[in-house]
Protein backbone atom coordinates (compact mmCIF):
# COMPACT_ATOMS: atom_id res chain seq x y z
CA UNK A 1 -38.91 9.93 -20.37
CA UNK A 2 -40.54 9.53 -23.79
CA UNK A 3 -43.30 7.47 -22.14
CA UNK A 4 -43.80 10.16 -19.50
CA UNK A 5 -44.00 12.88 -22.15
CA UNK A 6 -46.49 10.84 -24.19
CA UNK A 7 -48.64 10.06 -21.13
CA UNK A 8 -48.68 13.73 -20.10
CA UNK A 9 -49.19 14.94 -23.70
CA UNK A 10 -46.18 17.27 -23.50
CA UNK A 11 -42.86 17.50 -25.31
CA UNK A 12 -39.83 15.49 -24.12
CA UNK A 13 -38.13 18.80 -23.28
CA UNK A 14 -41.00 19.82 -20.99
CA UNK A 15 -40.97 16.42 -19.30
CA UNK A 16 -37.20 16.69 -18.83
CA UNK A 17 -37.46 20.15 -17.24
CA UNK A 18 -40.08 18.94 -14.76
CA UNK A 19 -38.06 15.84 -13.88
CA UNK A 20 -34.92 17.94 -13.33
CA UNK A 21 -36.74 20.53 -11.21
CA UNK A 22 -36.49 23.44 -13.63
CA UNK A 23 -38.59 26.43 -12.47
CA UNK A 24 -39.66 27.67 -15.92
CA UNK A 25 -42.54 25.20 -16.47
CA UNK A 26 -46.20 26.15 -16.44
CA UNK A 27 -48.11 24.74 -13.47
CA UNK A 28 -50.58 22.84 -15.65
CA UNK A 29 -47.77 21.08 -17.54
CA UNK A 30 -45.94 20.31 -14.28
CA UNK A 31 -49.10 18.76 -12.81
CA UNK A 32 -49.62 16.56 -15.88
CA UNK A 33 -45.99 15.40 -15.94
CA UNK A 34 -45.99 14.59 -12.22
CA UNK A 35 -49.23 12.64 -12.64
CA UNK A 36 -47.69 10.70 -15.54
CA UNK A 37 -44.59 9.93 -13.44
CA UNK A 38 -46.80 8.54 -10.69
CA UNK A 39 -48.94 6.53 -13.07
CA UNK A 40 -45.98 4.98 -14.90
CA UNK A 41 -43.79 4.52 -11.80
CA UNK A 42 -41.00 6.42 -13.53
CA UNK A 43 -37.69 6.68 -11.62
CA UNK A 44 -35.04 9.06 -13.04
CA UNK A 45 -31.66 7.47 -13.83
CA UNK A 46 -29.49 9.82 -11.80
CA UNK A 47 -26.33 7.92 -12.73
CA UNK A 48 -26.98 8.50 -16.44
CA UNK A 49 -27.73 12.15 -15.76
CA UNK A 50 -24.44 12.61 -13.94
CA UNK A 51 -22.50 10.81 -16.67
CA UNK A 52 -23.92 13.24 -19.22
CA UNK A 53 -22.64 16.04 -17.01
CA UNK A 54 -19.22 14.35 -16.81
CA UNK A 55 -19.75 13.31 -13.18
CA UNK A 56 -20.16 9.89 -11.58
CA UNK A 57 -21.04 10.98 -8.03
CA UNK A 58 -18.83 8.12 -6.81
CA UNK A 59 -15.90 8.12 -4.38
CA UNK A 60 -13.34 5.32 -4.03
CA UNK A 61 -11.54 3.98 -0.98
CA UNK A 62 -8.57 1.58 -1.21
CA UNK A 63 -7.40 -0.08 2.01
CA UNK A 64 -4.82 -2.79 2.54
CA UNK A 65 -7.32 -5.33 3.85
CA UNK A 66 -11.05 -4.68 3.98
CA UNK A 67 -11.51 -7.47 6.57
CA UNK A 68 -9.52 -5.56 9.23
CA UNK A 69 -12.17 -4.99 11.93
CA UNK A 70 -10.91 -1.65 13.23
CA UNK A 71 -11.25 -0.09 9.77
CA UNK A 72 -15.03 -0.55 9.84
CA UNK A 73 -15.62 2.62 11.87
CA UNK A 74 -13.24 4.54 9.57
CA UNK A 75 -15.15 3.49 6.45
CA UNK A 76 -18.57 3.97 8.06
CA UNK A 77 -17.79 7.53 9.15
CA UNK A 78 -16.53 8.40 5.67
CA UNK A 79 -19.54 6.75 4.03
CA UNK A 80 -21.99 8.75 6.15
CA UNK A 81 -20.49 12.06 5.01
CA UNK A 82 -20.23 11.02 1.36
CA UNK A 83 -23.84 9.84 1.28
CA UNK A 84 -25.00 13.05 2.92
CA UNK A 85 -23.22 14.94 0.12
CA UNK A 86 -24.86 12.75 -2.54
CA UNK A 87 -21.95 10.43 -3.34
CA UNK A 88 -21.83 6.65 -3.53
CA UNK A 89 -18.83 4.79 -2.10
CA UNK A 90 -16.72 2.05 -3.74
CA UNK A 91 -14.50 0.17 -1.27
CA UNK A 92 -11.65 -2.13 -2.36
CA UNK A 93 -8.74 -4.08 -0.83
CA UNK A 94 -5.29 -3.86 -2.38
CA UNK A 95 -4.05 -6.89 -0.41
CA UNK A 96 -0.81 -4.88 -0.14
CA UNK A 97 0.05 -5.94 -3.70
CA UNK A 98 1.44 -3.57 -6.29
CA UNK A 99 -0.28 -5.29 -9.23
CA UNK A 100 -3.68 -5.15 -7.58
CA UNK A 101 -3.22 -1.54 -6.53
CA UNK A 102 -2.33 -0.52 -10.10
CA UNK A 103 -5.39 -2.37 -11.42
CA UNK A 104 -7.69 -0.65 -8.90
CA UNK A 105 -6.32 2.77 -9.85
CA UNK A 106 -6.92 1.93 -13.54
CA UNK A 107 -10.50 0.81 -12.87
CA UNK A 108 -11.31 3.88 -10.82
CA UNK A 109 -9.98 6.08 -13.61
CA UNK A 110 -12.21 4.26 -16.11
CA UNK A 111 -15.24 4.72 -13.86
CA UNK A 112 -14.52 8.47 -13.71
CA UNK A 113 -14.92 8.59 -9.95
CA UNK A 114 -14.67 12.04 -8.39
CA UNK A 115 -12.20 11.39 -5.58
CA UNK A 116 -10.14 8.69 -3.87
CA UNK A 117 -8.96 7.92 -0.34
CA UNK A 118 -6.12 5.43 -0.46
CA UNK A 119 -3.11 3.89 1.22
CA UNK A 120 -0.30 2.36 -0.85
CA UNK A 121 1.80 -0.77 -0.67
CA UNK A 122 4.97 1.23 -1.35
CA UNK A 123 5.76 4.90 -0.99
CA UNK A 124 8.85 4.68 -3.21
CA UNK A 125 7.54 2.65 -6.16
CA UNK A 126 7.68 4.86 -9.26
CA UNK A 127 4.94 2.97 -11.13
CA UNK A 128 2.47 3.50 -8.30
CA UNK A 129 3.45 7.15 -7.94
CA UNK A 130 2.99 7.73 -11.68
CA UNK A 131 -0.40 5.99 -11.66
CA UNK A 132 -1.62 8.21 -8.82
CA UNK A 133 -0.29 11.38 -10.39
CA UNK A 134 -1.96 10.53 -13.72
CA UNK A 135 -5.43 10.42 -12.15
CA UNK A 136 -7.75 13.26 -13.14
CA UNK A 137 -9.51 13.42 -9.76
CA UNK A 138 -8.33 14.36 -6.24
CA UNK A 139 -6.47 11.76 -4.18
CA UNK A 140 -6.20 11.84 -0.40
CA UNK A 141 -3.44 9.66 1.07
CA UNK A 142 -4.24 7.99 4.39
CA UNK A 143 -1.30 7.24 6.70
CA UNK A 144 1.30 7.39 3.96
CA UNK A 145 4.11 9.78 3.03
CA UNK A 146 4.30 10.34 -0.74
CA UNK A 147 5.37 12.97 -3.22
CA UNK A 148 2.76 14.74 -5.29
CA UNK A 149 -0.03 17.27 -4.85
CA UNK A 150 -2.10 15.14 -2.49
CA UNK A 151 -3.80 15.91 0.79
CA UNK A 152 -2.45 13.62 3.55
CA UNK A 153 -4.07 12.45 6.79
CA UNK A 154 -1.78 10.51 9.11
CA UNK A 155 -1.54 9.03 12.57
CA UNK A 156 1.41 10.31 14.62
CA UNK A 157 2.83 6.85 15.21
CA UNK A 158 6.14 8.27 16.47
CA UNK A 159 4.33 10.03 19.31
CA UNK A 160 2.30 6.92 20.09
CA UNK A 161 5.22 4.50 20.30
CA UNK A 162 7.22 7.09 22.22
CA UNK A 163 4.44 7.12 24.83
CA UNK A 164 4.37 3.32 24.95
CA UNK A 165 8.14 2.89 25.31
CA UNK A 166 8.43 5.68 27.88
CA UNK A 167 5.73 3.98 29.95
CA UNK A 168 7.44 0.58 29.74
CA UNK A 169 10.82 2.12 30.64
CA UNK A 170 9.20 3.66 33.71
CA UNK A 171 8.21 0.12 34.76
CA UNK A 172 11.84 -0.99 34.53
CA UNK A 173 11.71 -2.68 31.13
CA UNK A 174 14.82 -2.37 29.00
CA UNK A 175 14.42 -5.24 26.54
CA UNK A 176 11.36 -4.06 24.61
CA UNK A 177 10.51 -5.75 21.32
CA UNK A 178 8.97 -3.53 18.65
CA UNK A 179 7.46 -5.58 15.83
CA UNK A 180 6.24 -3.48 12.91
CA UNK A 181 6.18 -3.28 9.12
CA UNK A 182 8.83 -2.55 6.47
CA UNK A 183 10.61 0.79 6.57
CA UNK A 184 9.45 1.77 3.06
CA UNK A 185 6.09 2.62 4.69
CA UNK A 186 5.52 5.69 6.87
CA UNK A 187 3.85 3.98 9.89
CA UNK A 188 6.82 1.65 10.37
CA UNK A 189 9.41 4.42 10.03
CA UNK A 190 7.50 6.63 12.45
CA UNK A 191 7.13 3.85 15.03
CA UNK A 192 10.86 3.08 14.91
CA UNK A 193 11.62 6.79 15.25
CA UNK A 194 9.40 7.06 18.34
CA UNK A 195 10.99 3.92 19.82
CA UNK A 196 14.52 5.25 19.43
CA UNK A 197 13.54 8.70 20.68
CA UNK A 198 12.19 7.26 23.94
CA UNK A 199 15.40 5.32 24.60
CA UNK A 200 17.53 8.36 23.74
CA UNK A 201 15.55 10.51 26.18
CA UNK A 202 16.59 8.11 28.98
CA UNK A 203 20.16 7.88 27.62
CA UNK A 204 19.73 4.19 26.97
CA UNK A 205 21.10 2.19 24.06
CA UNK A 206 18.77 0.45 21.60
CA UNK A 207 19.36 -3.23 20.86
CA UNK A 208 18.89 -3.44 17.07
CA UNK A 209 17.81 -7.09 17.41
CA UNK A 210 14.66 -5.91 19.23
CA UNK A 211 13.50 -3.68 16.35
CA UNK A 212 11.79 -5.95 13.84
CA UNK A 213 10.42 -4.58 10.57
CA UNK A 214 9.12 -7.65 8.73
CA UNK A 215 5.39 -6.88 8.34
CA UNK A 216 2.16 -5.57 9.85
CA UNK A 217 0.01 -8.72 9.77
CA UNK A 218 -0.88 -11.19 12.51
CA UNK A 219 1.23 -13.99 10.98
CA UNK A 220 4.31 -11.78 11.12
CA UNK A 221 3.45 -10.79 14.69
CA UNK A 222 3.29 -14.47 15.64
CA UNK A 223 6.54 -15.36 13.91
CA UNK A 224 8.59 -12.44 15.25
CA UNK A 225 7.24 -12.87 18.78
CA UNK A 226 7.82 -16.62 18.83
CA UNK A 227 11.42 -16.25 17.67
CA UNK A 228 12.14 -13.48 20.20
CA UNK A 229 10.65 -15.43 23.10
CA UNK A 230 12.77 -18.50 22.35
CA UNK A 231 16.00 -16.55 22.88
CA UNK A 232 17.87 -16.88 26.15
CA UNK A 233 17.87 -13.11 26.56
CA UNK A 234 14.23 -12.67 25.60
CA UNK A 235 12.35 -9.35 25.72
CA UNK A 236 10.37 -8.47 28.84
CA UNK A 237 7.84 -6.39 26.86
CA UNK A 238 6.39 -6.32 23.34
CA UNK A 239 4.81 -3.53 21.31
CA UNK A 240 2.63 -4.81 18.45
CA UNK A 241 3.36 -2.10 15.88
CA UNK A 242 0.43 -2.64 13.52
CA UNK A 243 -3.36 -2.69 13.71
CA UNK A 244 -3.54 -6.39 12.71
CA UNK A 245 -0.63 -7.77 14.76
CA UNK A 246 -2.04 -8.30 18.26
CA UNK A 247 -3.74 -11.69 17.61
CA UNK A 248 -0.44 -13.14 16.37
CA UNK A 249 1.53 -11.72 19.29
CA UNK A 250 -0.86 -13.14 21.89
CA UNK A 251 -0.97 -16.50 20.11
CA UNK A 252 2.85 -16.74 20.22
CA UNK A 253 2.93 -15.86 23.92
CA UNK A 254 0.39 -18.59 24.65
CA UNK A 255 2.34 -21.10 22.53
CA UNK A 256 5.47 -20.50 24.62
CA UNK A 257 3.49 -20.98 27.85
CA UNK A 258 4.21 -17.48 29.12
CA UNK A 259 1.67 -15.31 30.88
CA UNK A 260 0.75 -11.64 30.46
CA UNK A 261 1.79 -9.57 32.37
CA UNK A 262 3.61 -11.87 34.86
CA UNK A 263 6.15 -13.08 32.30
CA UNK A 264 5.85 -10.46 29.59
CA UNK A 265 4.13 -7.09 29.14
CA UNK A 266 2.21 -6.25 25.94
CA UNK A 267 0.98 -3.06 24.27
CA UNK A 268 -1.19 -3.28 21.13
CA UNK A 269 -0.85 -0.95 18.17
CA UNK A 270 -4.59 -0.16 18.00
CA UNK A 271 -7.68 -0.74 20.11
CA UNK A 272 -9.98 -3.66 19.30
CA UNK A 273 -12.53 -6.01 20.80
CA UNK A 274 -9.72 -8.53 21.28
CA UNK A 275 -7.65 -6.04 23.28
CA UNK A 276 -10.61 -5.15 25.47
CA UNK A 277 -11.91 -8.68 26.05
CA UNK A 278 -8.60 -10.52 26.41
CA UNK A 279 -7.67 -11.78 29.86
CA UNK A 280 -5.99 -9.63 31.01
CA UNK A 281 -7.19 -6.64 28.99
CA UNK A 282 -4.42 -5.35 26.72
CA UNK A 283 -2.99 -1.85 26.94
CA UNK A 284 -3.15 -0.17 23.52
CA UNK A 285 -2.35 2.88 21.46
CA UNK A 286 -5.87 4.01 20.58
CA UNK A 287 -6.79 6.01 17.49
CA UNK A 288 -10.19 7.54 16.93
CA UNK A 289 -10.98 5.79 13.65
CA UNK A 290 -14.40 7.43 13.42
CA UNK A 291 -12.95 10.93 13.66
CA UNK A 292 -10.16 10.08 11.22
CA UNK A 293 -12.58 8.62 8.67
CA UNK A 294 -14.88 11.64 8.89
CA UNK A 295 -11.92 14.00 8.54
CA UNK A 296 -10.65 12.19 5.44
CA UNK A 297 -14.11 12.40 3.85
CA UNK A 298 -14.54 16.06 4.73
CA UNK A 299 -11.12 17.00 3.34
CA UNK A 300 -11.74 15.10 0.10
CA UNK A 301 -15.14 16.74 -0.39
CA UNK A 302 -13.55 20.15 0.14
CA UNK A 303 -10.82 19.26 -2.37
CA UNK A 304 -13.43 18.22 -4.97
CA UNK A 305 -15.01 21.66 -4.64
CA UNK A 306 -11.70 23.58 -4.54
CA UNK A 307 -9.17 21.61 -6.56
CA UNK A 308 -6.65 24.45 -6.90
CA UNK A 309 -5.92 25.10 -3.22
CA UNK A 310 -2.62 24.07 -1.63
CA UNK A 311 -2.30 20.43 -0.44
CA UNK A 312 -2.99 19.96 3.27
CA UNK A 313 -1.51 17.63 5.86
CA UNK A 314 -3.13 16.60 9.14
CA UNK A 315 -1.90 14.23 11.86
CA UNK A 316 -3.81 12.57 14.69
CA UNK A 317 -2.02 11.72 17.93
CA UNK A 318 -2.83 8.28 19.38
CA UNK A 319 -3.65 7.88 23.07
CA UNK A 320 -1.94 5.33 25.33
CA UNK A 321 -4.69 3.41 27.12
CA UNK A 322 -3.24 1.57 30.11
CA UNK A 323 -5.08 -1.62 31.06
CA UNK A 324 -3.82 -4.78 32.76
CA UNK A 325 -1.20 -6.16 30.36
CA UNK A 326 1.88 -4.34 31.67
CA UNK A 327 3.73 -4.95 34.93
CA UNK A 328 6.89 -3.65 36.54
CA UNK A 329 10.06 -5.67 36.05
CA UNK A 330 10.98 -7.59 39.19
CA UNK A 331 14.73 -7.55 39.84
CA UNK A 332 16.02 -10.64 41.60
CA UNK A 333 18.11 -10.11 44.80
CA UNK A 334 21.30 -11.25 43.08
CA UNK A 335 20.71 -8.70 40.29
CA UNK A 336 20.14 -5.97 42.87
CA UNK A 337 23.46 -6.75 44.64
CA UNK A 338 25.28 -6.80 41.31
CA UNK A 339 23.68 -3.43 40.39
CA UNK A 340 24.79 -1.85 43.70
CA UNK A 341 28.35 -3.16 43.27
CA UNK A 342 28.50 -1.52 39.85
């Protein structure tokens, strides 16, 4: 700016007012400063300007795993709105680890970002809760249930799994495996709730051995499916209760030489290219990740502008998309005679 002022033969203050768009500058001075800017190729350091104002114009997003394909549309939709509002976006993976999550929260606090969209590896961990509550910028929780003055955007997983189980029950399935994450995380609790609700609505008992809560990832999906399919009384249908689980579930089914849907029916926990292109195409619980991402961004921007309003909560209902991976249970003649005798 000193070089611009010297080139234009004006004071640094006058150069600064022109660069920042102040109206109270004489036309002749403005013309000289703009000419100097063009001659010198001067580019204002907006980041430094915002820091002087106590603002970074940056937003953070923490997800469990940034490589999860279905999250791309979520992040892209949020990024579009943030950029339109003049904010840059910092995206990080927590790897579902407490230590990494705490470190990311510390770094974001040091960078003085202006808002954060985040999940969490544990909803009950007091260290994580304290770290979030100590932040001096708004935090929006995505698909988690936590205490504190945070806006929350969730998926209604209970409704989604209820739809899936009700559909499978209508096809005659009774042994339905639900593989999902640990119960200290909202999506897993909600899925189990929806599962049990669907059985209760038909006055059917739940086999606890078919409700598995070991993890959300593909490796867990493979392991839980493989173990279940090796049992004599194996499930006739599987619900992959996590957005990353379907590859593992399908891999386990192939490893046991079973076929979808002839031998086993499958419903995925989220839509994906794999679900659509698999043979046969996999029925899924579909979320609109683009709409959810845009909503999270919009709510956070509104919170940045109005920090003192009451926390808000919004839930999106997933849609059951029926494709070719589910079939009716075929009852053998001997089973039919036994059922009639009962």
